[in-house]
Amino acid sequence: VPFLVGIASIAAILAVSVAVYRWTNRKFPNPK
């Protein structure tokens, strides 16, 4: 049980990290 909980926690942390990275490095279109 703690093993699975640990895996789920790590996966959640990675998902949040990826989301933050994508948000901070997103590209906006140049305004006309």
PDB file of all heavy atoms in Angstrom:
ATOM      1  N   VAL A   1       0.827  -1.215   0.000  1.00  0.00           N
ATOM      2  CA  VAL A   1       0.000   0.000   0.000  1.00  0.00           C
ATOM      3  C   VAL A   1       0.855   1.256   0.000  1.00  0.00           C
ATOM      4  O   VAL A   1       0.669   2.138  -0.842  1.00  0.00           O
ATOM      5  CB  VAL A   1      -0.985  -0.015   1.183  1.00  0.00           C
ATOM      6  CG1 VAL A   1      -1.711   1.316   1.288  1.00  0.00           C
ATOM      7  CG2 VAL A   1      -1.976  -1.157   1.017  1.00  0.00           C
ATOM      8  N   PRO A   2       1.803   1.415   0.936  1.00  0.00           N
ATOM      9  CA  PRO A   2       2.647   2.619   0.895  1.00  0.00           C
ATOM     10  C   PRO A   2       3.470   2.700  -0.379  1.00  0.00           C
ATOM     11  O   PRO A   2       3.772   3.789  -0.855  1.00  0.00           O
ATOM     12  CB  PRO A   2       3.526   2.486   2.142  1.00  0.00           C
ATOM     13  CG  PRO A   2       3.462   1.072   2.512  1.00  0.00           C
ATOM     14  CD  PRO A   2       2.107   0.598   2.107  1.00  0.00           C
ATOM     15  N   PHE A   3       3.835   1.558  -0.948  1.00  0.00           N
ATOM     16  CA  PHE A   3       4.594   1.565  -2.197  1.00  0.00           C
ATOM     17  C   PHE A   3       3.767   2.206  -3.309  1.00  0.00           C
ATOM     18  O   PHE A   3       4.226   3.081  -4.057  1.00  0.00           O
ATOM     19  CB  PHE A   3       4.991   0.140  -2.587  1.00  0.00           C
ATOM     20  CG  PHE A   3       5.653   0.049  -3.933  1.00  0.00           C
ATOM     21  CD1 PHE A   3       6.980   0.413  -4.086  1.00  0.00           C
ATOM     22  CD2 PHE A   3       4.940  -0.390  -5.038  1.00  0.00           C
ATOM     23  CE1 PHE A   3       7.587   0.343  -5.330  1.00  0.00           C
ATOM     24  CE2 PHE A   3       5.548  -0.473  -6.278  1.00  0.00           C
ATOM     25  CZ  PHE A   3       6.873  -0.098  -6.427  1.00  0.00           C
ATOM     26  N   LEU A   4       2.488   1.783  -3.423  1.00  0.00           N
ATOM     27  CA  LEU A   4       1.611   2.328  -4.446  1.00  0.00           C
ATOM     28  C   LEU A   4       1.302   3.798  -4.184  1.00  0.00           C
ATOM     29  O   LEU A   4       1.234   4.603  -5.109  1.00  0.00           O
ATOM     30  CB  LEU A   4       0.307   1.517  -4.497  1.00  0.00           C
ATOM     31  CG  LEU A   4       0.473   0.057  -4.942  1.00  0.00           C
ATOM     32  CD1 LEU A   4      -0.868  -0.654  -4.880  1.00  0.00           C
ATOM     33  CD2 LEU A   4       1.060  -0.020  -6.352  1.00  0.00           C
ATOM     34  N   VAL A   5       1.099   4.136  -2.916  1.00  0.00           N
ATOM     35  CA  VAL A   5       0.872   5.529  -2.568  1.00  0.00           C
ATOM     36  C   VAL A   5       2.073   6.381  -2.960  1.00  0.00           C
ATOM     37  O   VAL A   5       1.939   7.491  -3.483  1.00  0.00           O
ATOM     38  CB  VAL A   5       0.579   5.675  -1.062  1.00  0.00           C
ATOM     39  CG1 VAL A   5       0.557   7.142  -0.654  1.00  0.00           C
ATOM     40  CG2 VAL A   5      -0.749   5.015  -0.718  1.00  0.00           C
ATOM     41  N   GLY A   6       3.254   5.857  -2.743  1.00  0.00           N
ATOM     42  CA  GLY A   6       4.470   6.583  -3.113  1.00  0.00           C
ATOM     43  C   GLY A   6       4.565   6.790  -4.608  1.00  0.00           C
ATOM     44  O   GLY A   6       4.915   7.878  -5.077  1.00  0.00           O
ATOM     45  N   ILE A   7       4.246   5.753  -5.379  1.00  0.00           N
ATOM     46  CA  ILE A   7       4.285   5.874  -6.829  1.00  0.00           C
ATOM     47  C   ILE A   7       3.291   6.916  -7.309  1.00  0.00           C
ATOM     48  O   ILE A   7       3.585   7.750  -8.168  1.00  0.00           O
ATOM     49  CB  ILE A   7       3.987   4.504  -7.490  1.00  0.00           C
ATOM     50  CG1 ILE A   7       5.117   3.515  -7.180  1.00  0.00           C
ATOM     51  CG2 ILE A   7       3.807   4.664  -8.987  1.00  0.00           C
ATOM     52  CD1 ILE A   7       6.458   3.914  -7.749  1.00  0.00           C
ATOM     53  N   ALA A   8       2.083   6.885  -6.761  1.00  0.00           N
ATOM     54  CA  ALA A   8       1.058   7.854  -7.149  1.00  0.00           C
ATOM     55  C   ALA A   8       1.485   9.273  -6.810  1.00  0.00           C
ATOM     56  O   ALA A   8       1.250  10.219  -7.576  1.00  0.00           O
ATOM     57  CB  ALA A   8      -0.262   7.514  -6.462  1.00  0.00           C
ATOM     58  N   SER A   9       2.125   9.453  -5.671  1.00  0.00           N
ATOM     59  CA  SER A   9       2.584  10.773  -5.257  1.00  0.00           C
ATOM     60  C   SER A   9       3.646  11.298  -6.214  1.00  0.00           C
ATOM     61  O   SER A   9       3.634  12.473  -6.598  1.00  0.00           O
ATOM     62  CB  SER A   9       3.132  10.721  -3.835  1.00  0.00           C
ATOM     63  OG  SER A   9       2.127  10.299  -2.929  1.00  0.00           O
ATOM     64  N   ILE A  10       4.575  10.426  -6.583  1.00  0.00           N
ATOM     65  CA  ILE A  10       5.630  10.827  -7.513  1.00  0.00           C
ATOM     66  C   ILE A  10       5.031  11.218  -8.854  1.00  0.00           C
ATOM     67  O   ILE A  10       5.409  12.217  -9.475  1.00  0.00           O
ATOM     68  CB  ILE A  10       6.651   9.688  -7.684  1.00  0.00           C
ATOM     69  CG1 ILE A  10       7.407   9.472  -6.367  1.00  0.00           C
ATOM     70  CG2 ILE A  10       7.631  10.007  -8.812  1.00  0.00           C
ATOM     71  CD1 ILE A  10       8.309   8.271  -6.383  1.00  0.00           C
ATOM     72  N   ALA A  11       4.051  10.429  -9.327  1.00  0.00           N
ATOM     73  CA  ALA A  11       3.407  10.722 -10.613  1.00  0.00           C
ATOM     74  C   ALA A  11       2.692  12.067 -10.564  1.00  0.00           C
ATOM     75  O   ALA A  11       2.738  12.850 -11.523  1.00  0.00           O
ATOM     76  CB  ALA A  11       2.426   9.607 -10.968  1.00  0.00           C
ATOM     77  N   ALA A  12       2.018  12.340  -9.445  1.00  0.00           N
ATOM     78  CA  ALA A  12       1.311  13.612  -9.308  1.00  0.00           C
ATOM     79  C   ALA A  12       2.285  14.781  -9.321  1.00  0.00           C
ATOM     80  O   ALA A  12       2.033  15.821  -9.949  1.00  0.00           O
ATOM     81  CB  ALA A  12       0.489  13.616  -8.030  1.00  0.00           C
ATOM     82  N   ILE A  13       3.412  14.611  -8.629  1.00  0.00           N
ATOM     83  CA  ILE A  13       4.424  15.674  -8.591  1.00  0.00           C
ATOM     84  C   ILE A  13       4.978  15.935  -9.988  1.00  0.00           C
ATOM     85  O   ILE A  13       5.160  17.076 -10.414  1.00  0.00           O
ATOM     86  CB  ILE A  13       5.543  15.306  -7.612  1.00  0.00           C
ATOM     87  CG1 ILE A  13       4.999  15.303  -6.171  1.00  0.00           C
ATOM     88  CG2 ILE A  13       6.719  16.282  -7.726  1.00  0.00           C
ATOM     89  CD1 ILE A  13       5.976  14.750  -5.162  1.00  0.00           C
ATOM     90  N   LEU A  14       5.253  14.867 -10.726  1.00  0.00           N
ATOM     91  CA  LEU A  14       5.774  15.019 -12.089  1.00  0.00           C
ATOM     92  C   LEU A  14       4.755  15.726 -12.983  1.00  0.00           C
ATOM     93  O   LEU A  14       5.114  16.577 -13.802  1.00  0.00           O
ATOM     94  CB  LEU A  14       6.127  13.643 -12.663  1.00  0.00           C
ATOM     95  CG  LEU A  14       7.360  12.965 -12.063  1.00  0.00           C
ATOM     96  CD1 LEU A  14       7.528  11.568 -12.648  1.00  0.00           C
ATOM     97  CD2 LEU A  14       8.615  13.805 -12.333  1.00  0.00           C
ATOM     98  N   ALA A  15       3.480  15.360 -12.841  1.00  0.00           N
ATOM     99  CA  ALA A  15       2.445  15.986 -13.664  1.00  0.00           C
ATOM    100  C   ALA A  15       2.365  17.480 -13.402  1.00  0.00           C
ATOM    101  O   ALA A  15       2.253  18.298 -14.332  1.00  0.00           O
ATOM    102  CB  ALA A  15       1.098  15.317 -13.398  1.00  0.00           C
ATOM    103  N   VAL A  16       2.410  17.859 -12.152  1.00  0.00           N
ATOM    104  CA  VAL A  16       2.374  19.276 -11.802  1.00  0.00           C
ATOM    105  C   VAL A  16       3.600  19.998 -12.340  1.00  0.00           C
ATOM    106  O   VAL A  16       3.519  21.119 -12.857  1.00  0.00           O
ATOM    107  CB  VAL A  16       2.265  19.440 -10.269  1.00  0.00           C
ATOM    108  CG1 VAL A  16       2.437  20.907  -9.867  1.00  0.00           C
ATOM    109  CG2 VAL A  16       0.931  18.909  -9.771  1.00  0.00           C
ATOM    110  N   SER A  17       4.748  19.353 -12.230  1.00  0.00           N
ATOM    111  CA  SER A  17       5.984  19.969 -12.709  1.00  0.00           C
ATOM    112  C   SER A  17       5.921  20.214 -14.210  1.00  0.00           C
ATOM    113  O   SER A  17       6.335  21.267 -14.705  1.00  0.00           O
ATOM    114  CB  SER A  17       7.174  19.069 -12.362  1.00  0.00           C
ATOM    115  OG  SER A  17       7.293  18.902 -10.977  1.00  0.00           O
ATOM    116  N   VAL A  18       5.422  19.238 -14.955  1.00  0.00           N
ATOM    117  CA  VAL A  18       5.303  19.386 -16.413  1.00  0.00           C
ATOM    118  C   VAL A  18       4.348  20.516 -16.758  1.00  0.00           C
ATOM    119  O   VAL A  18       4.600  21.330 -17.656  1.00  0.00           O
ATOM    120  CB  VAL A  18       4.839  18.052 -17.049  1.00  0.00           C
ATOM    121  CG1 VAL A  18       4.472  18.257 -18.509  1.00  0.00           C
ATOM    122  CG2 VAL A  18       5.923  17.016 -16.918  1.00  0.00           C
ATOM    123  N   ALA A  19       3.226  20.584 -16.014  1.00  0.00           N
ATOM    124  CA  ALA A  19       2.244  21.639 -16.279  1.00  0.00           C
ATOM    125  C   ALA A  19       2.846  23.012 -16.029  1.00  0.00           C
ATOM    126  O   ALA A  19       2.634  23.956 -16.802  1.00  0.00           O
ATOM    127  CB  ALA A  19       1.010  21.422 -15.413  1.00  0.00           C
ATOM    128  N   VAL A  20       3.589  23.149 -14.938  1.00  0.00           N
ATOM    129  CA  VAL A  20       4.220  24.431 -14.623  1.00  0.00           C
ATOM    130  C   VAL A  20       5.235  24.799 -15.682  1.00  0.00           C
ATOM    131  O   VAL A  20       5.330  25.955 -16.126  1.00  0.00           O
ATOM    132  CB  VAL A  20       4.880  24.382 -13.229  1.00  0.00           C
ATOM    133  CG1 VAL A  20       5.734  25.620 -12.986  1.00  0.00           C
ATOM    134  CG2 VAL A  20       3.812  24.252 -12.161  1.00  0.00           C
ATOM    135  N   TYR A  21       5.997  23.815 -16.126  1.00  0.00           N
ATOM    136  CA  TYR A  21       7.016  24.068 -17.147  1.00  0.00           C
ATOM    137  C   TYR A  21       6.361  24.553 -18.440  1.00  0.00           C
ATOM    138  O   TYR A  21       6.810  25.517 -19.069  1.00  0.00           O
ATOM    139  CB  TYR A  21       7.823  22.793 -17.411  1.00  0.00           C
ATOM    140  CG  TYR A  21       8.832  22.936 -18.532  1.00  0.00           C
ATOM    141  CD1 TYR A  21      10.076  23.529 -18.316  1.00  0.00           C
ATOM    142  CD2 TYR A  21       8.517  22.505 -19.817  1.00  0.00           C
ATOM    143  CE1 TYR A  21      10.980  23.678 -19.354  1.00  0.00           C
ATOM    144  CE2 TYR A  21       9.429  22.634 -20.857  1.00  0.00           C
ATOM    145  CZ  TYR A  21      10.662  23.230 -20.630  1.00  0.00           C
ATOM    146  OH  TYR A  21      11.565  23.370 -21.649  1.00  0.00           O
ATOM    147  N   ARG A  22       5.307  23.873 -18.839  1.00  0.00           N
ATOM    148  CA  ARG A  22       4.629  24.258 -20.079  1.00  0.00           C
ATOM    149  C   ARG A  22       4.025  25.658 -19.977  1.00  0.00           C
ATOM    150  O   ARG A  22       4.013  26.429 -20.935  1.00  0.00           O
ATOM    151  CB  ARG A  22       3.544  23.241 -20.407  1.00  0.00           C
ATOM    152  CG  ARG A  22       4.114  21.905 -20.885  1.00  0.00           C
ATOM    153  CD  ARG A  22       2.992  20.914 -21.137  1.00  0.00           C
ATOM    154  NE  ARG A  22       3.537  19.666 -21.690  1.00  0.00           N
ATOM    155  CZ  ARG A  22       2.801  18.582 -21.931  1.00  0.00           C
ATOM    156  NH1 ARG A  22       1.483  18.601 -21.658  1.00  0.00           N
ATOM    157  NH2 ARG A  22       3.360  17.494 -22.429  1.00  0.00           N
ATOM    158  N   TRP A  23       3.484  25.959 -18.807  1.00  0.00           N
ATOM    159  CA  TRP A  23       2.881  27.275 -18.627  1.00  0.00           C
ATOM    160  C   TRP A  23       3.911  28.389 -18.687  1.00  0.00           C
ATOM    161  O   TRP A  23       3.719  29.416 -19.324  1.00  0.00           O
ATOM    162  CB  TRP A  23       2.138  27.314 -17.302  1.00  0.00           C
ATOM    163  CG  TRP A  23       1.622  28.685 -16.945  1.00  0.00           C
ATOM    164  CD1 TRP A  23       2.165  29.583 -16.097  1.00  0.00           C
ATOM    165  CD2 TRP A  23       0.450  29.298 -17.491  1.00  0.00           C
ATOM    166  NE1 TRP A  23       1.415  30.717 -16.044  1.00  0.00           N
ATOM    167  CE2 TRP A  23       0.359  30.582 -16.898  1.00  0.00           C
ATOM    168  CE3 TRP A  23      -0.519  28.897 -18.418  1.00  0.00           C
ATOM    169  CZ2 TRP A  23      -0.677  31.459 -17.216  1.00  0.00           C
ATOM    170  CZ3 TRP A  23      -1.543  29.770 -18.722  1.00  0.00           C
ATOM    171  CH2 TRP A  23      -1.615  31.036 -18.126  1.00  0.00           C
ATOM    172  N   THR A  24       5.047  28.188 -18.032  1.00  0.00           N
ATOM    173  CA  THR A  24       6.089  29.228 -17.992  1.00  0.00           C
ATOM    174  C   THR A  24       6.832  29.346 -19.311  1.00  0.00           C
ATOM    175  O   THR A  24       7.475  30.351 -19.582  1.00  0.00           O
ATOM    176  CB  THR A  24       7.089  28.940 -16.858  1.00  0.00           C
ATOM    177  OG1 THR A  24       7.632  27.627 -17.040  1.00  0.00           O
ATOM    178  CG2 THR A  24       6.417  29.013 -15.491  1.00  0.00           C
ATOM    179  N   ASN A  25       6.773  28.337 -20.129  1.00  0.00           N
ATOM    180  CA  ASN A  25       7.518  28.366 -21.399  1.00  0.00           C
ATOM    181  C   ASN A  25       6.570  28.392 -22.608  1.00  0.00           C
ATOM    182  O   ASN A  25       6.969  28.056 -23.728  1.00  0.00           O
ATOM    183  CB  ASN A  25       8.435  27.147 -21.496  1.00  0.00           C
ATOM    184  CG  ASN A  25       9.589  27.197 -20.517  1.00  0.00           C
ATOM    185  OD1 ASN A  25      10.615  27.819 -20.765  1.00  0.00           O
ATOM    186  ND2 ASN A  25       9.395  26.529 -19.363  1.00  0.00           N
ATOM    187  N   ARG A  26       5.327  28.765 -22.405  1.00  0.00           N
ATOM    188  CA  ARG A  26       4.388  28.778 -23.509  1.00  0.00           C
ATOM    189  C   ARG A  26       4.731  29.904 -24.476  1.00  0.00           C
ATOM    190  O   ARG A  26       5.323  30.914 -24.093  1.00  0.00           O
ATOM    191  CB  ARG A  26       2.973  28.948 -22.968  1.00  0.00           C
ATOM    192  CG  ARG A  26       2.678  30.309 -22.361  1.00  0.00           C
ATOM    193  CD  ARG A  26       1.347  30.273 -21.608  1.00  0.00           C
ATOM    194  NE  ARG A  26       0.954  31.590 -21.116  1.00  0.00           N
ATOM    195  CZ  ARG A  26       1.489  32.174 -20.067  1.00  0.00           C
ATOM    196  NH1 ARG A  26       2.450  31.564 -19.387  1.00  0.00           N
ATOM    197  NH2 ARG A  26       1.068  33.377 -19.674  1.00  0.00           N
ATOM    198  N   LYS A  27       4.366  29.782 -25.736  1.00  0.00           N
ATOM    199  CA  LYS A  27       4.619  30.781 -26.753  1.00  0.00           C
ATOM    200  C   LYS A  27       3.304  31.470 -27.145  1.00  0.00           C
ATOM    201  O   LYS A  27       2.308  30.809 -27.444  1.00  0.00           O
ATOM    202  CB  LYS A  27       5.237  30.119 -27.981  1.00  0.00           C
ATOM    203  CG  LYS A  27       6.620  29.550 -27.725  1.00  0.00           C
ATOM    204  CD  LYS A  27       7.187  28.946 -28.990  1.00  0.00           C
ATOM    205  CE  LYS A  27       8.590  28.392 -28.734  1.00  0.00           C
ATOM    206  NZ  LYS A  27       9.187  27.794 -29.952  1.00  0.00           N
ATOM    207  N   PHE A  28       3.357  32.787 -27.115  1.00  0.00           N
ATOM    208  CA  PHE A  28       2.198  33.542 -27.481  1.00  0.00           C
ATOM    209  C   PHE A  28       2.349  34.053 -28.926  1.00  0.00           C
ATOM    210  O   PHE A  28       3.448  34.430 -29.337  1.00  0.00           O
ATOM    211  CB  PHE A  28       2.020  34.759 -26.550  1.00  0.00           C
ATOM    212  CG  PHE A  28       1.717  34.348 -25.130  1.00  0.00           C
ATOM    213  CD1 PHE A  28       2.743  34.278 -24.188  1.00  0.00           C
ATOM    214  CD2 PHE A  28       0.424  34.047 -24.748  1.00  0.00           C
ATOM    215  CE1 PHE A  28       2.456  33.929 -22.886  1.00  0.00           C
ATOM    216  CE2 PHE A  28       0.151  33.693 -23.449  1.00  0.00           C
ATOM    217  CZ  PHE A  28       1.166  33.606 -22.516  1.00  0.00           C
ATOM    218  N   PRO A  29       1.294  34.111 -29.719  1.00  0.00           N
ATOM    219  CA  PRO A  29       1.392  34.651 -31.085  1.00  0.00           C
ATOM    220  C   PRO A  29       1.666  36.160 -31.073  1.00  0.00           C
ATOM    221  O   PRO A  29       1.242  36.867 -30.160  1.00  0.00           O
ATOM    222  CB  PRO A  29       0.012  34.328 -31.679  1.00  0.00           C
ATOM    223  CG  PRO A  29      -0.896  34.234 -30.510  1.00  0.00           C
ATOM    224  CD  PRO A  29      -0.056  33.666 -29.394  1.00  0.00           C
ATOM    225  N   ASN A  30       2.442  36.598 -32.047  1.00  0.00           N
ATOM    226  CA  ASN A  30       2.761  38.019 -32.124  1.00  0.00           C
ATOM    227  C   ASN A  30       1.503  38.817 -32.464  1.00  0.00           C
ATOM    228  O   ASN A  30       0.740  38.470 -33.375  1.00  0.00           O
ATOM    229  CB  ASN A  30       3.802  38.272 -33.209  1.00  0.00           C
ATOM    230  CG  ASN A  30       5.128  37.675 -32.818  1.00  0.00           C
ATOM    231  OD1 ASN A  30       5.473  37.665 -31.653  1.00  0.00           O
ATOM    232  ND2 ASN A  30       5.878  37.195 -33.814  1.00  0.00           N
ATOM    233  N   PRO A  31       1.248  39.880 -31.746  1.00  0.00           N
ATOM    234  CA  PRO A  31       0.058  40.688 -32.016  1.00  0.00           C
ATOM    235  C   PRO A  31       0.207  41.424 -33.359  1.00  0.00           C
ATOM    236  O   PRO A  31       1.288  41.835 -33.757  1.00  0.00           O
ATOM    237  CB  PRO A  31      -0.005  41.645 -30.849  1.00  0.00           C
ATOM    238  CG  PRO A  31       1.411  41.759 -30.382  1.00  0.00           C
ATOM    239  CD  PRO A  31       2.020  40.418 -30.628  1.00  0.00           C
ATOM    240  N   LYS A  32      -0.864  41.551 -34.125  1.00  0.00           N
ATOM    241  CA  LYS A  32      -0.852  42.283 -35.393  1.00  0.00           C
ATOM    242  C   LYS A  32      -1.033  43.768 -35.139  1.00  0.00           C
ATOM    243  O   LYS A  32      -1.928  44.177 -34.408  1.00  0.00           O
ATOM    244  CB  LYS A  32      -1.976  41.761 -36.281  1.00  0.00           C
ATOM    245  CG  LYS A  32      -1.774  40.327 -36.730  1.00  0.00           C
ATOM    246  CD  LYS A  32      -2.896  39.880 -37.630  1.00  0.00           C
ATOM    247  CE  LYS A  32      -2.708  38.421 -38.062  1.00  0.00           C
ATOM    248  NZ  LYS A  32      -3.796  37.974 -38.964  1.00  0.00           N
TER     249      LYS A  32
END
